[in-house]
Amino acid sequence: SPIPAAEGGHPPSLASVSEPPHPLAADLDRLRADVVALFEDAVGRDRARQHEAHVLETLGLPSPIPPEHAVPFLRALLTADPPRRWHLFKRARGRLHAPVADRLMAFHVAHGHAAEPRAQDAVEAVAALWTRLHR
């Protein structure tokens, strides 16, 4: 069926049809940027970029990463195998777990009270990643 025309005979814009932005978009982007920076420092910029591209391709995510996909992206970045065997990569990445866990816990503390369902989903995903890093 055709899209109903708005006043003036023009179809409604996509922005009016799409859902509102994620309530924690800015904070999820900041969390992702902080973790990616730590990751680059730990494993080196070239390997970090290659691994990030591998994760994006594997998960089928667009770049830039939408806020609702930030936590699954971080989980894969921190736990998935690299695109090829890199000497000492997993050891260097393993040293990230404590500083990343601190940032995840801070995010959880700051937003644990959020009432919006999408915000709650993000907080639960962050808590699950924190738990995964502590195994």
C-alpha atoms as a PDB file:
ATOM      1  CA  SER A   1       0.000   0.000   0.000  1.00  0.00           C
ATOM      2  CA  PRO A   2       1.254   3.500  -0.758  1.00  0.00           C
ATOM      3  CA  ILE A   3       2.529   5.804   1.975  1.00  0.00           C
ATOM      4  CA  PRO A   4      -0.232   8.233   2.931  1.00  0.00           C
ATOM      5  CA  ALA A   5       0.459  11.785   1.862  1.00  0.00           C
ATOM      6  CA  ALA A   6       0.954  14.432   4.502  1.00  0.00           C
ATOM      7  CA  GLU A   7      -0.549  17.893   4.175  1.00  0.00           C
ATOM      8  CA  GLY A   8       0.370  19.402   0.841  1.00  0.00           C
ATOM      9  CA  GLY A   9       0.433  16.023  -0.917  1.00  0.00           C
ATOM     10  CA  HIS A  10       4.004  15.090   0.095  1.00  0.00           C
ATOM     11  CA  PRO A  11       4.825  11.787   1.810  1.00  0.00           C
ATOM     12  CA  PRO A  12       5.932  12.079   5.447  1.00  0.00           C
ATOM     13  CA  SER A  13       9.670  12.302   6.025  1.00  0.00           C
ATOM     14  CA  LEU A  14      11.572   9.277   7.277  1.00  0.00           C
ATOM     15  CA  ALA A  15      12.460  11.152  10.466  1.00  0.00           C
ATOM     16  CA  SER A  16       8.799  11.421  11.406  1.00  0.00           C
ATOM     17  CA  VAL A  17       8.259   7.691  10.810  1.00  0.00           C
ATOM     18  CA  SER A  18      11.381   6.399  12.581  1.00  0.00           C
ATOM     19  CA  GLU A  19      11.664   5.853  16.311  1.00  0.00           C
ATOM     20  CA  PRO A  20      13.159   8.478  18.628  1.00  0.00           C
ATOM     21  CA  PRO A  21      16.903   8.414  19.334  1.00  0.00           C
ATOM     22  CA  HIS A  22      18.204   6.009  21.958  1.00  0.00           C
ATOM     23  CA  PRO A  23      17.868   7.615  25.415  1.00  0.00           C
ATOM     24  CA  LEU A  24      21.486   6.797  26.298  1.00  0.00           C
ATOM     25  CA  ALA A  25      22.971   7.442  22.842  1.00  0.00           C
ATOM     26  CA  ALA A  26      25.572   9.993  23.952  1.00  0.00           C
ATOM     27  CA  ASP A  27      26.704   7.927  26.934  1.00  0.00           C
ATOM     28  CA  LEU A  28      26.886   4.704  24.899  1.00  0.00           C
ATOM     29  CA  ASP A  29      28.958   6.505  22.248  1.00  0.00           C
ATOM     30  CA  ARG A  30      31.269   7.860  24.963  1.00  0.00           C
ATOM     31  CA  LEU A  31      31.625   4.388  26.517  1.00  0.00           C
ATOM     32  CA  ARG A  32      32.411   2.878  23.114  1.00  0.00           C
ATOM     33  CA  ALA A  33      34.969   5.588  22.327  1.00  0.00           C
ATOM     34  CA  ASP A  34      36.674   5.167  25.725  1.00  0.00           C
ATOM     35  CA  VAL A  35      36.930   1.391  25.365  1.00  0.00           C
ATOM     36  CA  VAL A  36      38.177   1.627  21.766  1.00  0.00           C
ATOM     37  CA  ALA A  37      40.873   4.103  22.894  1.00  0.00           C
ATOM     38  CA  LEU A  38      41.980   1.723  25.662  1.00  0.00           C
ATOM     39  CA  PHE A  39      41.948  -1.127  23.142  1.00  0.00           C
ATOM     40  CA  GLU A  40      44.142   0.824  20.703  1.00  0.00           C
ATOM     41  CA  ASP A  41      46.618   1.628  23.479  1.00  0.00           C
ATOM     42  CA  ALA A  42      46.795  -2.023  24.529  1.00  0.00           C
ATOM     43  CA  VAL A  43      47.133  -3.803  21.183  1.00  0.00           C
ATOM     44  CA  GLY A  44      48.387  -1.044  18.880  1.00  0.00           C
ATOM     45  CA  ARG A  45      46.448   1.171  16.508  1.00  0.00           C
ATOM     46  CA  ASP A  46      46.933  -0.973  13.371  1.00  0.00           C
ATOM     47  CA  ARG A  47      45.828  -4.209  15.002  1.00  0.00           C
ATOM     48  CA  ALA A  48      42.963  -2.442  16.739  1.00  0.00           C
ATOM     49  CA  ARG A  49      41.682  -1.046  13.429  1.00  0.00           C
ATOM     50  CA  GLN A  50      41.991  -4.419  11.703  1.00  0.00           C
ATOM     51  CA  HIS A  51      40.215  -6.206  14.541  1.00  0.00           C
ATOM     52  CA  GLU A  52      37.495  -3.532  14.642  1.00  0.00           C
ATOM     53  CA  ALA A  53      36.884  -3.933  10.889  1.00  0.00           C
ATOM     54  CA  HIS A  54      36.770  -7.720  11.368  1.00  0.00           C
ATOM     55  CA  VAL A  55      34.203  -7.372  14.181  1.00  0.00           C
ATOM     56  CA  LEU A  56      32.045  -4.965  12.146  1.00  0.00           C
ATOM     57  CA  GLU A  57      32.082  -7.355   9.194  1.00  0.00           C
ATOM     58  CA  THR A  58      31.379 -10.417  11.349  1.00  0.00           C
ATOM     59  CA  LEU A  59      28.450  -8.780  13.149  1.00  0.00           C
ATOM     60  CA  GLY A  60      27.204  -7.013  10.015  1.00  0.00           C
ATOM     61  CA  LEU A  61      27.240  -3.624  11.739  1.00  0.00           C
ATOM     62  CA  PRO A  62      27.441  -0.279   9.967  1.00  0.00           C
ATOM     63  CA  SER A  63      30.108   2.297  10.705  1.00  0.00           C
ATOM     64  CA  PRO A  64      29.566   4.532  12.623  1.00  0.00           C
ATOM     65  CA  ILE A  65      28.057   2.124  15.115  1.00  0.00           C
ATOM     66  CA  PRO A  66      24.491   2.942  16.199  1.00  0.00           C
ATOM     67  CA  PRO A  67      24.063   3.297  19.994  1.00  0.00           C
ATOM     68  CA  GLU A  68      21.858   0.208  20.243  1.00  0.00           C
ATOM     69  CA  HIS A  69      24.740  -1.886  18.841  1.00  0.00           C
ATOM     70  CA  ALA A  70      27.517  -0.350  20.970  1.00  0.00           C
ATOM     71  CA  VAL A  71      27.525  -3.019  23.683  1.00  0.00           C
ATOM     72  CA  PRO A  72      27.418  -6.048  21.320  1.00  0.00           C
ATOM     73  CA  PHE A  73      30.249  -4.390  19.373  1.00  0.00           C
ATOM     74  CA  LEU A  74      32.307  -3.936  22.554  1.00  0.00           C
ATOM     75  CA  ARG A  75      31.629  -7.515  23.619  1.00  0.00           C
ATOM     76  CA  ALA A  76      32.925  -8.812  20.285  1.00  0.00           C
ATOM     77  CA  LEU A  77      35.881  -6.413  20.299  1.00  0.00           C
ATOM     78  CA  LEU A  78      36.942  -7.618  23.743  1.00  0.00           C
ATOM     79  CA  THR A  79      36.210 -11.340  23.397  1.00  0.00           C
ATOM     80  CA  ALA A  80      36.203 -12.423  19.721  1.00  0.00           C
ATOM     81  CA  ASP A  81      39.203 -13.983  18.030  1.00  0.00           C
ATOM     82  CA  PRO A  82      41.226 -11.633  15.816  1.00  0.00           C
ATOM     83  CA  PRO A  83      41.078 -12.001  12.021  1.00  0.00           C
ATOM     84  CA  ARG A  84      44.390 -13.895  12.146  1.00  0.00           C
ATOM     85  CA  ARG A  85      46.838 -15.076  14.795  1.00  0.00           C
ATOM     86  CA  TRP A  86      48.716 -12.157  16.312  1.00  0.00           C
ATOM     87  CA  HIS A  87      51.529 -12.742  18.753  1.00  0.00           C
ATOM     88  CA  LEU A  88      50.557 -11.656  22.296  1.00  0.00           C
ATOM     89  CA  PHE A  89      47.263 -10.085  21.121  1.00  0.00           C
ATOM     90  CA  LYS A  90      45.060 -11.911  23.610  1.00  0.00           C
ATOM     91  CA  ARG A  91      47.452 -11.214  26.472  1.00  0.00           C
ATOM     92  CA  ALA A  92      47.482  -7.478  25.684  1.00  0.00           C
ATOM     93  CA  ARG A  93      43.711  -7.448  25.313  1.00  0.00           C
ATOM     94  CA  GLY A  94      43.338  -9.345  28.598  1.00  0.00           C
ATOM     95  CA  ARG A  95      45.091  -6.507  30.436  1.00  0.00           C
ATOM     96  CA  LEU A  96      42.198  -4.274  29.404  1.00  0.00           C
ATOM     97  CA  HIS A  97      39.606  -6.122  31.436  1.00  0.00           C
ATOM     98  CA  ALA A  98      40.128  -4.169  34.686  1.00  0.00           C
ATOM     99  CA  PRO A  99      40.015  -0.630  33.205  1.00  0.00           C
ATOM    100  CA  VAL A 100      37.134  -1.578  30.894  1.00  0.00           C
ATOM    101  CA  ALA A 101      35.239  -3.163  33.788  1.00  0.00           C
ATOM    102  CA  ASP A 102      35.645   0.092  35.739  1.00  0.00           C
ATOM    103  CA  ARG A 103      34.044   2.045  32.888  1.00  0.00           C
ATOM    104  CA  LEU A 104      31.254  -0.510  32.525  1.00  0.00           C
ATOM    105  CA  MET A 105      30.512  -0.337  36.254  1.00  0.00           C
ATOM    106  CA  ALA A 106      30.481   3.478  36.164  1.00  0.00           C
ATOM    107  CA  PHE A 107      28.008   3.356  33.264  1.00  0.00           C
ATOM    108  CA  HIS A 108      25.832   0.898  35.191  1.00  0.00           C
ATOM    109  CA  VAL A 109      25.883   3.040  38.339  1.00  0.00           C
ATOM    110  CA  ALA A 110      25.032   6.199  36.382  1.00  0.00           C
ATOM    111  CA  HIS A 111      22.137   4.659  34.457  1.00  0.00           C
ATOM    112  CA  GLY A 112      20.908   1.752  36.563  1.00  0.00           C
ATOM    113  CA  HIS A 113      17.831   3.761  37.557  1.00  0.00           C
ATOM    114  CA  ALA A 114      16.734   4.441  33.952  1.00  0.00           C
ATOM    115  CA  ALA A 115      13.043   3.698  33.439  1.00  0.00           C
ATOM    116  CA  GLU A 116      12.868   3.683  29.624  1.00  0.00           C
ATOM    117  CA  PRO A 117      12.900   0.077  28.294  1.00  0.00           C
ATOM    118  CA  ARG A 118      15.658   0.683  25.719  1.00  0.00           C
ATOM    119  CA  ALA A 119      17.816   2.278  28.423  1.00  0.00           C
ATOM    120  CA  GLN A 120      17.189  -0.701  30.719  1.00  0.00           C
ATOM    121  CA  ASP A 121      18.200  -3.059  27.906  1.00  0.00           C
ATOM    122  CA  ALA A 122      21.469  -1.156  27.448  1.00  0.00           C
ATOM    123  CA  VAL A 123      22.202  -1.212  31.193  1.00  0.00           C
ATOM    124  CA  GLU A 124      21.511  -4.970  31.321  1.00  0.00           C
ATOM    125  CA  ALA A 125      23.798  -5.557  28.322  1.00  0.00           C
ATOM    126  CA  VAL A 126      26.567  -3.557  30.022  1.00  0.00           C
ATOM    127  CA  ALA A 127      26.122  -5.610  33.211  1.00  0.00           C
ATOM    128  CA  ALA A 128      26.302  -8.844  31.187  1.00  0.00           C
ATOM    129  CA  LEU A 129      29.530  -7.690  29.515  1.00  0.00           C
ATOM    130  CA  TRP A 130      30.981  -6.764  32.924  1.00  0.00           C
ATOM    131  CA  THR A 131      30.127 -10.282  34.147  1.00  0.00           C
ATOM    132  CA  ARG A 132      31.682 -11.839  31.021  1.00  0.00           C
ATOM    133  CA  LEU A 133      34.945  -9.968  31.583  1.00  0.00           C
ATOM    134  CA  HIS A 134      35.123 -11.236  35.174  1.00  0.00           C
ATOM    135  CA  ARG A 135      34.969 -14.935  34.267  1.00  0.00           C
END
